PDB file of N, CA and C in Angstrom:
ATOM      1  N   MET A   1    -182.759 -71.141  21.567  1.00  0.00           N
ATOM      2  CA  MET A   1    -183.153 -69.847  21.088  1.00  0.00           C
ATOM      3  C   MET A   1    -185.038 -70.078  20.749  1.00  0.00           C
ATOM      4  N   THR A   2    -185.884 -69.728  21.597  1.00  0.00           N
ATOM      5  CA  THR A   2    -187.489 -69.614  21.630  1.00  0.00           C
ATOM      6  C   THR A   2    -187.822 -69.315  20.537  1.00  0.00           C
ATOM      7  N   THR A   3    -188.735 -70.037  19.971  1.00  0.00           N
ATOM      8  CA  THR A   3    -189.628 -69.600  18.876  1.00  0.00           C
ATOM      9  C   THR A   3    -190.985 -69.671  19.100  1.00  0.00           C
ATOM     10  N   ILE A   4    -191.786 -68.659  19.122  1.00  0.00           N
ATOM     11  CA  ILE A   4    -193.016 -68.402  18.993  1.00  0.00           C
ATOM     12  C   ILE A   4    -194.076 -68.260  17.590  1.00  0.00           C
ATOM     13  N   ILE A   5    -194.803 -69.023  17.767  1.00  0.00           N
ATOM     14  CA  ILE A   5    -195.322 -69.112  16.628  1.00  0.00           C
ATOM     15  C   ILE A   5    -196.677 -68.125  16.588  1.00  0.00           C
ATOM     16  N   HIS A   6    -197.131 -67.309  15.842  1.00  0.00           N
ATOM     17  CA  HIS A   6    -198.066 -66.541  15.752  1.00  0.00           C
ATOM     18  C   HIS A   6    -199.006 -66.461  14.146  1.00  0.00           C
ATOM     19  N   LYS A   7    -200.148 -66.377  14.370  1.00  0.00           N
ATOM     20  CA  LYS A   7    -200.832 -66.309  13.245  1.00  0.00           C
ATOM     21  C   LYS A   7    -201.083 -64.828  12.580  1.00  0.00           C
ATOM     22  N   ARG A   8    -200.517 -64.355  11.312  1.00  0.00           N
ATOM     23  CA  ARG A   8    -201.153 -63.391  10.734  1.00  0.00           C
ATOM     24  C   ARG A   8    -202.641 -62.887  11.094  1.00  0.00           C
ATOM     25  N   GLY A   9    -202.734 -61.376  11.275  1.00  0.00           N
ATOM     26  CA  GLY A   9    -204.221 -61.214  11.463  1.00  0.00           C
ATOM     27  C   GLY A   9    -204.499 -60.998  13.006  1.00  0.00           C
ATOM     28  N   ASP A  10    -203.972 -61.899  13.772  1.00  0.00           N
ATOM     29  CA  ASP A  10    -204.419 -62.143  15.338  1.00  0.00           C
ATOM     30  C   ASP A  10    -203.263 -61.353  15.936  1.00  0.00           C
ATOM     31  N   THR A  11    -204.034 -61.307  17.373  1.00  0.00           N
ATOM     32  CA  THR A  11    -203.196 -60.251  18.475  1.00  0.00           C
ATOM     33  C   THR A  11    -202.169 -60.892  18.818  1.00  0.00           C
ATOM     34  N   LEU A  12    -201.000 -60.402  18.839  1.00  0.00           N
ATOM     35  CA  LEU A  12    -200.165 -60.832  19.618  1.00  0.00           C
ATOM     36  C   LEU A  12    -199.714 -60.084  20.790  1.00  0.00           C
ATOM     37  N   GLU A  13    -199.638 -60.926  21.872  1.00  0.00           N
ATOM     38  CA  GLU A  13    -199.662 -60.543  23.137  1.00  0.00           C
ATOM     39  C   GLU A  13    -198.546 -61.469  24.089  1.00  0.00           C
ATOM     40  N   LEU A  14    -197.371 -60.611  24.264  1.00  0.00           N
ATOM     41  CA  LEU A  14    -196.314 -61.414  24.875  1.00  0.00           C
ATOM     42  C   LEU A  14    -196.467 -60.676  26.171  1.00  0.00           C
ATOM     43  N   THR A  15    -196.246 -61.912  27.260  1.00  0.00           N
ATOM     44  CA  THR A  15    -195.976 -61.001  28.846  1.00  0.00           C
ATOM     45  C   THR A  15    -194.839 -61.703  29.511  1.00  0.00           C
ATOM     46  N   PHE A  16    -194.033 -60.792  30.197  1.00  0.00           N
ATOM     47  CA  PHE A  16    -192.987 -61.012  30.738  1.00  0.00           C
ATOM     48  C   PHE A  16    -192.945 -60.338  32.344  1.00  0.00           C
ATOM     49  N   GLN A  17    -192.522 -61.044  32.658  1.00  0.00           N
ATOM     50  CA  GLN A  17    -191.562 -60.646  34.505  1.00  0.00           C
ATOM     51  C   GLN A  17    -190.223 -60.589  34.674  1.00  0.00           C
ATOM     52  N   LEU A  18    -189.599 -59.345  34.810  1.00  0.00           N
ATOM     53  CA  LEU A  18    -188.247 -59.447  35.329  1.00  0.00           C
ATOM     54  C   LEU A  18    -187.977 -59.883  36.163  1.00  0.00           C
ATOM     55  N   LYS A  19    -186.722 -60.998  36.387  1.00  0.00           N
ATOM     56  CA  LYS A  19    -186.386 -61.825  37.386  1.00  0.00           C
ATOM     57  C   LYS A  19    -184.435 -61.442  37.516  1.00  0.00           C
ATOM     58  N   VAL A  20    -184.104 -61.312  38.617  1.00  0.00           N
ATOM     59  CA  VAL A  20    -182.670 -61.463  38.859  1.00  0.00           C
ATOM     60  C   VAL A  20    -182.518 -62.540  39.796  1.00  0.00           C
ATOM     61  N   ASP A  21    -181.697 -63.576  39.169  1.00  0.00           N
ATOM     62  CA  ASP A  21    -181.441 -64.531  39.996  1.00  0.00           C
ATOM     63  C   ASP A  21    -182.834 -65.306  40.882  1.00  0.00           C
ATOM     64  N   GLY A  22    -183.928 -65.670  39.772  1.00  0.00           N
ATOM     65  CA  GLY A  22    -184.889 -66.047  40.284  1.00  0.00           C
ATOM     66  C   GLY A  22    -185.876 -65.334  41.038  1.00  0.00           C
ATOM     67  N   VAL A  23    -185.522 -63.941  41.531  1.00  0.00           N
ATOM     68  CA  VAL A  23    -186.569 -62.934  42.278  1.00  0.00           C
ATOM     69  C   VAL A  23    -187.011 -61.734  41.287  1.00  0.00           C
ATOM     70  N   ALA A  24    -188.653 -61.613  41.355  1.00  0.00           N
ATOM     71  CA  ALA A  24    -189.164 -60.273  40.737  1.00  0.00           C
ATOM     72  C   ALA A  24    -188.440 -58.975  41.137  1.00  0.00           C
ATOM     73  N   GLN A  25    -188.562 -58.214  40.119  1.00  0.00           N
ATOM     74  CA  GLN A  25    -187.582 -57.203  40.199  1.00  0.00           C
ATOM     75  C   GLN A  25    -188.528 -56.098  40.257  1.00  0.00           C
ATOM     76  N   ASN A  26    -188.532 -54.764  40.914  1.00  0.00           N
ATOM     77  CA  ASN A  26    -189.480 -53.726  40.951  1.00  0.00           C
ATOM     78  C   ASN A  26    -188.699 -52.943  39.653  1.00  0.00           C
ATOM     79  N   ILE A  27    -189.981 -52.602  38.690  1.00  0.00           N
ATOM     80  CA  ILE A  27    -189.226 -51.977  37.385  1.00  0.00           C
ATOM     81  C   ILE A  27    -189.938 -50.436  37.066  1.00  0.00           C
ATOM     82  N   THR A  28    -190.255 -49.743  38.538  1.00  0.00           N
ATOM     83  CA  THR A  28    -190.383 -48.741  38.777  1.00  0.00           C
ATOM     84  C   THR A  28    -189.514 -47.544  38.206  1.00  0.00           C
ATOM     85  N   GLY A  29    -189.666 -46.878  36.800  1.00  0.00           N
ATOM     86  CA  GLY A  29    -188.757 -46.280  36.473  1.00  0.00           C
ATOM     87  C   GLY A  29    -188.276 -46.759  35.330  1.00  0.00           C
ATOM     88  N   TYR A  30    -188.340 -47.679  34.889  1.00  0.00           N
ATOM     89  CA  TYR A  30    -187.552 -48.481  33.657  1.00  0.00           C
ATOM     90  C   TYR A  30    -188.576 -47.973  32.553  1.00  0.00           C
ATOM     91  N   SER A  31    -187.651 -48.278  31.494  1.00  0.00           N
ATOM     92  CA  SER A  31    -188.426 -48.301  30.178  1.00  0.00           C
ATOM     93  C   SER A  31    -188.104 -49.185  29.401  1.00  0.00           C
ATOM     94  N   PHE A  32    -188.917 -49.816  28.276  1.00  0.00           N
ATOM     95  CA  PHE A  32    -189.020 -51.235  27.709  1.00  0.00           C
ATOM     96  C   PHE A  32    -189.213 -50.839  25.977  1.00  0.00           C
ATOM     97  N   SER A  33    -188.814 -51.381  25.268  1.00  0.00           N
ATOM     98  CA  SER A  33    -188.937 -51.274  24.124  1.00  0.00           C
ATOM     99  C   SER A  33    -188.551 -52.545  23.306  1.00  0.00           C
ATOM    100  N   SER A  34    -189.366 -52.869  21.689  1.00  0.00           N
ATOM    101  CA  SER A  34    -189.029 -54.140  21.385  1.00  0.00           C
ATOM    102  C   SER A  34    -189.495 -53.984  19.941  1.00  0.00           C
ATOM    103  N   GLN A  35    -188.775 -54.527  18.973  1.00  0.00           N
ATOM    104  CA  GLN A  35    -188.947 -54.693  17.612  1.00  0.00           C
ATOM    105  C   GLN A  35    -188.870 -55.872  16.653  1.00  0.00           C
ATOM    106  N   LEU A  36    -189.144 -55.965  15.775  1.00  0.00           N
ATOM    107  CA  LEU A  36    -189.132 -57.091  15.019  1.00  0.00           C
ATOM    108  C   LEU A  36    -188.395 -56.732  13.723  1.00  0.00           C
ATOM    109  N   ARG A  37    -187.153 -57.596  13.575  1.00  0.00           N
ATOM    110  CA  ARG A  37    -186.432 -57.474  12.363  1.00  0.00           C
ATOM    111  C   ARG A  37    -186.698 -58.947  11.480  1.00  0.00           C
ATOM    112  N   ASP A  38    -186.389 -58.908   9.892  1.00  0.00           N
ATOM    113  CA  ASP A  38    -185.996 -60.046   9.326  1.00  0.00           C
ATOM    114  C   ASP A  38    -184.739 -60.681   9.221  1.00  0.00           C
ATOM    115  N   SER A  39    -184.185 -61.490   8.395  1.00  0.00           N
ATOM    116  CA  SER A  39    -183.122 -61.992   8.356  1.00  0.00           C
ATOM    117  C   SER A  39    -182.048 -61.048   8.466  1.00  0.00           C
ATOM    118  N   THR A  40    -182.798 -60.148   6.770  1.00  0.00           N
ATOM    119  CA  THR A  40    -181.592 -59.538   6.985  1.00  0.00           C
ATOM    120  C   THR A  40    -181.414 -57.730   7.833  1.00  0.00           C
ATOM    121  N   ASP A  41    -181.444 -57.898   8.370  1.00  0.00           N
ATOM    122  CA  ASP A  41    -181.832 -57.190   9.783  1.00  0.00           C
ATOM    123  C   ASP A  41    -182.578 -55.768   9.295  1.00  0.00           C
ATOM    124  N   ALA A  42    -183.747 -55.726   8.555  1.00  0.00           N
ATOM    125  CA  ALA A  42    -184.702 -54.822   8.215  1.00  0.00           C
ATOM    126  C   ALA A  42    -185.756 -54.720   9.053  1.00  0.00           C
ATOM    127  N   LEU A  43    -186.257 -53.959   9.706  1.00  0.00           N
ATOM    128  CA  LEU A  43    -187.180 -53.739  10.303  1.00  0.00           C
ATOM    129  C   LEU A  43    -188.551 -54.041   9.701  1.00  0.00           C
ATOM    130  N   LEU A  44    -189.355 -54.810  10.660  1.00  0.00           N
ATOM    131  CA  LEU A  44    -190.795 -54.986  10.106  1.00  0.00           C
ATOM    132  C   LEU A  44    -191.847 -53.797  10.061  1.00  0.00           C
ATOM    133  N   VAL A  45    -191.910 -53.028   8.918  1.00  0.00           N
ATOM    134  CA  VAL A  45    -192.836 -52.021   8.494  1.00  0.00           C
ATOM    135  C   VAL A  45    -193.840 -52.349   7.946  1.00  0.00           C
ATOM    136  N   THR A  46    -195.036 -52.270   8.041  1.00  0.00           N
ATOM    137  CA  THR A  46    -196.126 -51.881   7.055  1.00  0.00           C
ATOM    138  C   THR A  46    -197.025 -50.681   7.160  1.00  0.00           C
ATOM    139  N   ASP A  47    -198.246 -50.541   6.585  1.00  0.00           N
ATOM    140  CA  ASP A  47    -198.819 -49.536   6.266  1.00  0.00           C
ATOM    141  C   ASP A  47    -199.607 -49.340   7.738  1.00  0.00           C
ATOM    142  N   ASN A  48    -199.931 -50.465   8.718  1.00  0.00           N
ATOM    143  CA  ASN A  48    -200.378 -50.339   9.639  1.00  0.00           C
ATOM    144  C   ASN A  48    -199.155 -50.756  11.006  1.00  0.00           C
ATOM    145  N   PHE A  49    -198.246 -50.961  11.055  1.00  0.00           N
ATOM    146  CA  PHE A  49    -197.193 -51.189  12.008  1.00  0.00           C
ATOM    147  C   PHE A  49    -195.627 -50.649  11.746  1.00  0.00           C
ATOM    148  N   ASP A  50    -195.364 -49.840  12.462  1.00  0.00           N
ATOM    149  CA  ASP A  50    -194.095 -49.078  12.729  1.00  0.00           C
ATOM    150  C   ASP A  50    -192.581 -49.830  13.159  1.00  0.00           C
ATOM    151  N   GLY A  51    -192.931 -50.990  13.224  1.00  0.00           N
ATOM    152  CA  GLY A  51    -191.776 -51.904  13.544  1.00  0.00           C
ATOM    153  C   GLY A  51    -191.676 -52.222  15.170  1.00  0.00           C
ATOM    154  N   ASN A  52    -192.349 -51.360  15.914  1.00  0.00           N
ATOM    155  CA  ASN A  52    -192.603 -51.353  17.266  1.00  0.00           C
ATOM    156  C   ASN A  52    -193.786 -52.060  17.947  1.00  0.00           C
ATOM    157  N   LEU A  53    -193.674 -53.189  18.960  1.00  0.00           N
ATOM    158  CA  LEU A  53    -194.442 -53.583  19.459  1.00  0.00           C
ATOM    159  C   LEU A  53    -194.719 -52.619  20.734  1.00  0.00           C
ATOM    160  N   THR A  54    -195.962 -52.367  21.311  1.00  0.00           N
ATOM    161  CA  THR A  54    -196.816 -51.757  22.202  1.00  0.00           C
ATOM    162  C   THR A  54    -196.317 -52.281  23.280  1.00  0.00           C
ATOM    163  N   TYR A  55    -195.740 -51.489  24.020  1.00  0.00           N
ATOM    164  CA  TYR A  55    -195.116 -51.627  25.966  1.00  0.00           C
ATOM    165  C   TYR A  55    -196.166 -51.415  26.502  1.00  0.00           C
ATOM    166  N   THR A  56    -196.724 -52.231  27.682  1.00  0.00           N
ATOM    167  CA  THR A  56    -198.379 -52.016  28.568  1.00  0.00           C
ATOM    168  C   THR A  56    -197.498 -52.219  30.218  1.00  0.00           C
ATOM    169  N   LEU A  57    -197.120 -51.622  30.686  1.00  0.00           N
ATOM    170  CA  LEU A  57    -196.886 -51.969  32.370  1.00  0.00           C
ATOM    171  C   LEU A  57    -197.633 -52.572  32.816  1.00  0.00           C
ATOM    172  N   ILE A  58    -197.691 -53.964  33.462  1.00  0.00           N
ATOM    173  CA  ILE A  58    -198.794 -54.691  34.223  1.00  0.00           C
ATOM    174  C   ILE A  58    -198.811 -54.423  36.113  1.00  0.00           C
ATOM    175  N   ASN A  59    -197.886 -54.890  36.028  1.00  0.00           N
ATOM    176  CA  ASN A  59    -197.217 -54.381  38.137  1.00  0.00           C
ATOM    177  C   ASN A  59    -195.832 -54.078  38.041  1.00  0.00           C
ATOM    178  N   ALA A  60    -195.688 -52.883  38.326  1.00  0.00           N
ATOM    179  CA  ALA A  60    -193.791 -52.523  38.658  1.00  0.00           C
ATOM    180  C   ALA A  60    -193.687 -53.076  39.604  1.00  0.00           C
ATOM    181  N   LEU A  61    -193.982 -53.167  40.686  1.00  0.00           N
ATOM    182  CA  LEU A  61    -193.377 -54.130  41.949  1.00  0.00           C
ATOM    183  C   LEU A  61    -193.045 -55.264  41.788  1.00  0.00           C
ATOM    184  N   GLU A  62    -194.295 -56.465  40.591  1.00  0.00           N
ATOM    185  CA  GLU A  62    -193.497 -57.443  40.123  1.00  0.00           C
ATOM    186  C   GLU A  62    -192.600 -57.519  39.398  1.00  0.00           C
ATOM    187  N   GLY A  63    -192.558 -56.590  38.562  1.00  0.00           N
ATOM    188  CA  GLY A  63    -191.576 -56.856  37.631  1.00  0.00           C
ATOM    189  C   GLY A  63    -192.531 -57.244  36.057  1.00  0.00           C
ATOM    190  N   GLN A  64    -193.887 -57.180  36.085  1.00  0.00           N
ATOM    191  CA  GLN A  64    -194.498 -57.497  35.269  1.00  0.00           C
ATOM    192  C   GLN A  64    -194.941 -56.815  34.129  1.00  0.00           C
ATOM    193  N   PHE A  65    -194.810 -56.723  33.012  1.00  0.00           N
ATOM    194  CA  PHE A  65    -195.105 -56.146  31.633  1.00  0.00           C
ATOM    195  C   PHE A  65    -195.736 -57.184  30.446  1.00  0.00           C
ATOM    196  N   SER A  66    -196.134 -56.151  29.557  1.00  0.00           N
ATOM    197  CA  SER A  66    -196.207 -57.252  28.185  1.00  0.00           C
ATOM    198  C   SER A  66    -195.836 -56.090  27.064  1.00  0.00           C
ATOM    199  N   PHE A  67    -195.561 -56.627  25.807  1.00  0.00           N
ATOM    200  CA  PHE A  67    -195.600 -56.273  24.753  1.00  0.00           C
ATOM    201  C   PHE A  67    -196.714 -56.625  23.498  1.00  0.00           C
ATOM    202  N   THR A  68    -197.417 -55.796  22.736  1.00  0.00           N
ATOM    203  CA  THR A  68    -198.470 -56.298  22.046  1.00  0.00           C
ATOM    204  C   THR A  68    -198.363 -55.566  20.752  1.00  0.00           C
ATOM    205  N   ALA A  69    -199.317 -56.326  19.630  1.00  0.00           N
ATOM    206  CA  ALA A  69    -199.624 -55.667  18.718  1.00  0.00           C
ATOM    207  C   ALA A  69    -201.135 -56.177  18.014  1.00  0.00           C
ATOM    208  N   SER A  70    -201.943 -55.643  17.466  1.00  0.00           N
ATOM    209  CA  SER A  70    -203.077 -55.418  17.184  1.00  0.00           C
ATOM    210  C   SER A  70    -203.302 -56.329  16.049  1.00  0.00           C
ATOM    211  N   PRO A  71    -204.669 -57.383  15.886  1.00  0.00           N
ATOM    212  CA  PRO A  71    -204.792 -57.732  14.462  1.00  0.00           C
ATOM    213  C   PRO A  71    -204.915 -57.022  13.420  1.00  0.00           C
ATOM    214  N   THR A  72    -205.248 -55.433  13.716  1.00  0.00           N
ATOM    215  CA  THR A  72    -204.944 -54.797  12.407  1.00  0.00           C
ATOM    216  C   THR A  72    -203.446 -54.257  11.964  1.00  0.00           C
ATOM    217  N   GLU A  73    -202.753 -54.700  13.147  1.00  0.00           N
ATOM    218  CA  GLU A  73    -201.225 -54.140  12.962  1.00  0.00           C
ATOM    219  C   GLU A  73    -200.485 -55.573  12.124  1.00  0.00           C
ATOM    220  N   THR A  74    -201.086 -56.885  12.738  1.00  0.00           N
ATOM    221  CA  THR A  74    -200.420 -57.929  12.683  1.00  0.00           C
ATOM    222  C   THR A  74    -200.740 -58.212  11.205  1.00  0.00           C
ATOM    223  N   SER A  75    -201.672 -58.032  10.606  1.00  0.00           N
ATOM    224  CA  SER A  75    -202.653 -58.390   9.381  1.00  0.00           C
ATOM    225  C   SER A  75    -201.412 -58.464   7.778  1.00  0.00           C
ATOM    226  N   GLU A  76    -200.722 -57.253   7.839  1.00  0.00           N
ATOM    227  CA  GLU A  76    -199.798 -57.396   6.783  1.00  0.00           C
ATOM    228  C   GLU A  76    -198.570 -58.045   7.105  1.00  0.00           C
ATOM    229  N   TRP A  77    -197.984 -58.556   8.009  1.00  0.00           N
ATOM    230  CA  TRP A  77    -197.052 -59.118   8.489  1.00  0.00           C
ATOM    231  C   TRP A  77    -196.759 -60.226   7.280  1.00  0.00           C
ATOM    232  N   ASP A  78    -195.323 -59.935   6.807  1.00  0.00           N
ATOM    233  CA  ASP A  78    -195.247 -61.207   5.811  1.00  0.00           C
ATOM    234  C   ASP A  78    -195.271 -62.581   6.506  1.00  0.00           C
ATOM    235  N   THR A  79    -195.588 -63.785   6.193  1.00  0.00           N
ATOM    236  CA  THR A  79    -195.441 -65.074   6.780  1.00  0.00           C
ATOM    237  C   THR A  79    -193.782 -65.216   6.453  1.00  0.00           C
ATOM    238  N   ARG A  80    -193.017 -65.542   7.562  1.00  0.00           N
ATOM    239  CA  ARG A  80    -191.568 -65.745   7.808  1.00  0.00           C
ATOM    240  C   ARG A  80    -191.079 -65.552   8.958  1.00  0.00           C
ATOM    241  N   THR A  81    -190.074 -65.753   9.447  1.00  0.00           N
ATOM    242  CA  THR A  81    -189.654 -65.610  10.880  1.00  0.00           C
ATOM    243  C   THR A  81    -189.041 -64.145  10.851  1.00  0.00           C
ATOM    244  N   TYR A  82    -188.793 -63.585  12.292  1.00  0.00           N
ATOM    245  CA  TYR A  82    -188.826 -62.551  13.036  1.00  0.00           C
ATOM    246  C   TYR A  82    -187.884 -62.889  14.025  1.00  0.00           C
ATOM    247  N   ASP A  83    -186.698 -61.919  13.928  1.00  0.00           N
ATOM    248  CA  ASP A  83    -186.096 -61.694  15.389  1.00  0.00           C
ATOM    249  C   ASP A  83    -186.642 -60.839  16.081  1.00  0.00           C
ATOM    250  N   CYS A  84    -186.289 -61.173  17.410  1.00  0.00           N
ATOM    251  CA  CYS A  84    -187.169 -59.936  18.372  1.00  0.00           C
ATOM    252  C   CYS A  84    -186.494 -60.236  19.608  1.00  0.00           C
ATOM    253  N   ASP A  85    -186.211 -58.893  20.563  1.00  0.00           N
ATOM    254  CA  ASP A  85    -185.666 -58.997  21.983  1.00  0.00           C
ATOM    255  C   ASP A  85    -186.306 -57.770  22.790  1.00  0.00           C
ATOM    256  N   LEU A  86    -186.022 -57.576  23.895  1.00  0.00           N
ATOM    257  CA  LEU A  86    -186.610 -56.579  24.408  1.00  0.00           C
ATOM    258  C   LEU A  86    -185.245 -55.679  25.229  1.00  0.00           C
ATOM    259  N   GLN A  87    -185.503 -54.372  24.908  1.00  0.00           N
ATOM    260  CA  GLN A  87    -184.364 -53.604  25.579  1.00  0.00           C
ATOM    261  C   GLN A  87    -184.892 -52.695  26.609  1.00  0.00           C
ATOM    262  N   ILE A  88    -184.128 -53.004  27.748  1.00  0.00           N
ATOM    263  CA  ILE A  88    -184.069 -52.446  29.215  1.00  0.00           C
ATOM    264  C   ILE A  88    -183.600 -51.351  29.354  1.00  0.00           C
ATOM    265  N   THR A  89    -184.004 -50.022  29.817  1.00  0.00           N
ATOM    266  CA  THR A  89    -183.487 -49.184  30.376  1.00  0.00           C
ATOM    267  C   THR A  89    -183.727 -48.940  31.589  1.00  0.00           C
ATOM    268  N   GLU A  90    -182.579 -49.045  32.432  1.00  0.00           N
ATOM    269  CA  GLU A  90    -183.033 -48.631  33.973  1.00  0.00           C
ATOM    270  C   GLU A  90    -183.083 -47.010  34.351  1.00  0.00           C
ATOM    271  N   PRO A  91    -183.854 -46.759  35.211  1.00  0.00           N
ATOM    272  CA  PRO A  91    -183.553 -45.641  35.668  1.00  0.00           C
ATOM    273  C   PRO A  91    -182.562 -44.593  35.749  1.00  0.00           C
ATOM    274  N   ASP A  92    -181.186 -45.599  35.851  1.00  0.00           N
ATOM    275  CA  ASP A  92    -179.477 -44.595  35.962  1.00  0.00           C
ATOM    276  C   ASP A  92    -179.242 -45.013  34.402  1.00  0.00           C
ATOM    277  N   SER A  93    -179.879 -45.274  33.481  1.00  0.00           N
ATOM    278  CA  SER A  93    -179.636 -45.104  32.079  1.00  0.00           C
ATOM    279  C   SER A  93    -178.954 -46.414  31.615  1.00  0.00           C
ATOM    280  N   ASP A  94    -178.478 -47.762  32.526  1.00  0.00           N
ATOM    281  CA  ASP A  94    -177.947 -48.810  32.167  1.00  0.00           C
ATOM    282  C   ASP A  94    -178.997 -49.107  31.026  1.00  0.00           C
ATOM    283  N   VAL A  95    -178.138 -50.328  29.815  1.00  0.00           N
ATOM    284  CA  VAL A  95    -179.389 -50.737  29.107  1.00  0.00           C
ATOM    285  C   VAL A  95    -178.602 -51.990  28.749  1.00  0.00           C
ATOM    286  N   SER A  96    -179.687 -52.969  28.729  1.00  0.00           N
ATOM    287  CA  SER A  96    -179.229 -54.415  28.410  1.00  0.00           C
ATOM    288  C   SER A  96    -180.420 -54.740  27.236  1.00  0.00           C
ATOM    289  N   SER A  97    -180.123 -56.143  26.983  1.00  0.00           N
ATOM    290  CA  SER A  97    -181.145 -56.368  26.025  1.00  0.00           C
ATOM    291  C   SER A  97    -181.521 -57.934  26.380  1.00  0.00           C
ATOM    292  N   SER A  98    -182.622 -58.571  26.268  1.00  0.00           N
ATOM    293  CA  SER A  98    -182.783 -59.755  26.444  1.00  0.00           C
ATOM    294  C   SER A  98    -182.349 -60.607  25.529  1.00  0.00           C
ATOM    295  N   GLU A  99    -182.288 -61.961  25.786  1.00  0.00           N
ATOM    296  CA  GLU A  99    -182.067 -63.245  24.304  1.00  0.00           C
ATOM    297  C   GLU A  99    -182.600 -62.984  23.639  1.00  0.00           C
ATOM    298  N   THR A 100    -182.380 -62.983  22.253  1.00  0.00           N
ATOM    299  CA  THR A 100    -182.906 -62.948  21.379  1.00  0.00           C
ATOM    300  C   THR A 100    -183.856 -64.277  21.096  1.00  0.00           C
ATOM    301  N   PHE A 101    -185.179 -64.138  20.532  1.00  0.00           N
ATOM    302  CA  PHE A 101    -185.834 -65.031  20.403  1.00  0.00           C
ATOM    303  C   PHE A 101    -186.686 -64.629  18.902  1.00  0.00           C
ATOM    304  N   LYS A 102    -187.436 -65.886  18.475  1.00  0.00           N
ATOM    305  CA  LYS A 102    -187.673 -65.243  16.996  1.00  0.00           C
ATOM    306  C   LYS A 102    -189.437 -65.711  17.244  1.00  0.00           C
ATOM    307  N   ILE A 103    -189.796 -64.655  16.155  1.00  0.00           N
ATOM    308  CA  ILE A 103    -191.249 -64.826  16.266  1.00  0.00           C
ATOM    309  C   ILE A 103    -191.653 -65.451  14.275  1.00  0.00           C
ATOM    310  N   LYS A 104    -192.356 -66.614  14.482  1.00  0.00           N
ATOM    311  CA  LYS A 104    -192.370 -67.217  13.175  1.00  0.00           C
ATOM    312  C   LYS A 104    -194.139 -66.747  13.333  1.00  0.00           C
ATOM    313  N   VAL A 105    -194.456 -65.896  11.859  1.00  0.00           N
ATOM    314  CA  VAL A 105    -195.525 -65.912  11.523  1.00  0.00           C
ATOM    315  C   VAL A 105    -195.807 -66.561  10.492  1.00  0.00           C
ATOM    316  N   ILE A 106    -197.233 -67.201  10.594  1.00  0.00           N
ATOM    317  CA  ILE A 106    -197.682 -68.184   9.401  1.00  0.00           C
ATOM    318  C   ILE A 106    -199.319 -67.616   9.158  1.00  0.00           C
ATOM    319  N   LYS A 107    -199.781 -68.141   7.785  1.00  0.00           N
ATOM    320  CA  LYS A 107    -200.939 -67.273   7.625  1.00  0.00           C
ATOM    321  C   LYS A 107    -202.001 -68.529   8.723  1.00  0.00           C
ATOM    322  N   ASP A 108    -203.242 -67.337   8.416  1.00  0.00           N
ATOM    323  CA  ASP A 108    -204.603 -67.813   9.267  1.00  0.00           C
ATOM    324  C   ASP A 108    -205.475 -68.565   8.549  1.00  0.00           C
ATOM    325  N   VAL A 109    -205.614 -69.636   9.028  1.00  0.00           N
ATOM    326  CA  VAL A 109    -206.579 -70.007   7.737  1.00  0.00           C
ATOM    327  C   VAL A 109    -208.049 -69.539   7.888  1.00  0.00           C
ATOM    328  N   THR A 110    -208.414 -69.139   8.896  1.00  0.00           N
ATOM    329  CA  THR A 110    -209.620 -68.961   9.237  1.00  0.00           C
ATOM    330  C   THR A 110    -210.018 -67.348   9.211  1.00  0.00           C
ATOM    331  N   ARG A 111    -210.342 -66.682   8.034  1.00  0.00           N
ATOM    332  CA  ARG A 111    -210.134 -65.073   8.176  1.00  0.00           C
ATOM    333  C   ARG A 111    -211.941 -64.599   8.230  1.00  0.00           C
ATOM    334  N   ALA A 112    -211.453 -63.214   8.390  1.00  0.00           N
ATOM    335  CA  ALA A 112    -213.081 -62.757   8.155  1.00  0.00           C
ATOM    336  C   ALA A 112    -213.299 -62.395   6.583  1.00  0.00           C
TER     337      ALA A 112
END
């Protein structure tokens, strides 16, 4: 299982490409969502973050997209490890999820 290290208060940007058998997929009409949950399965929610990473389509034909959280959104995240995955909804309403990965939030040493 992959673990991504992220410093609290920094921009989180995760970029992905959907591939099947090594071939990039056209994701026109797809929808994507992603949440962070702690070890008790509680959704990570703060005053500045509703638990959902922000989805952005980069290139539908090449299957490229990203999920982000701003410095303001990550500034109140507890320093711990969270579970995360991507939920993919295809145009025909089929739903699948990626493998679960971890986001380990650590303290930021240099702060404004």
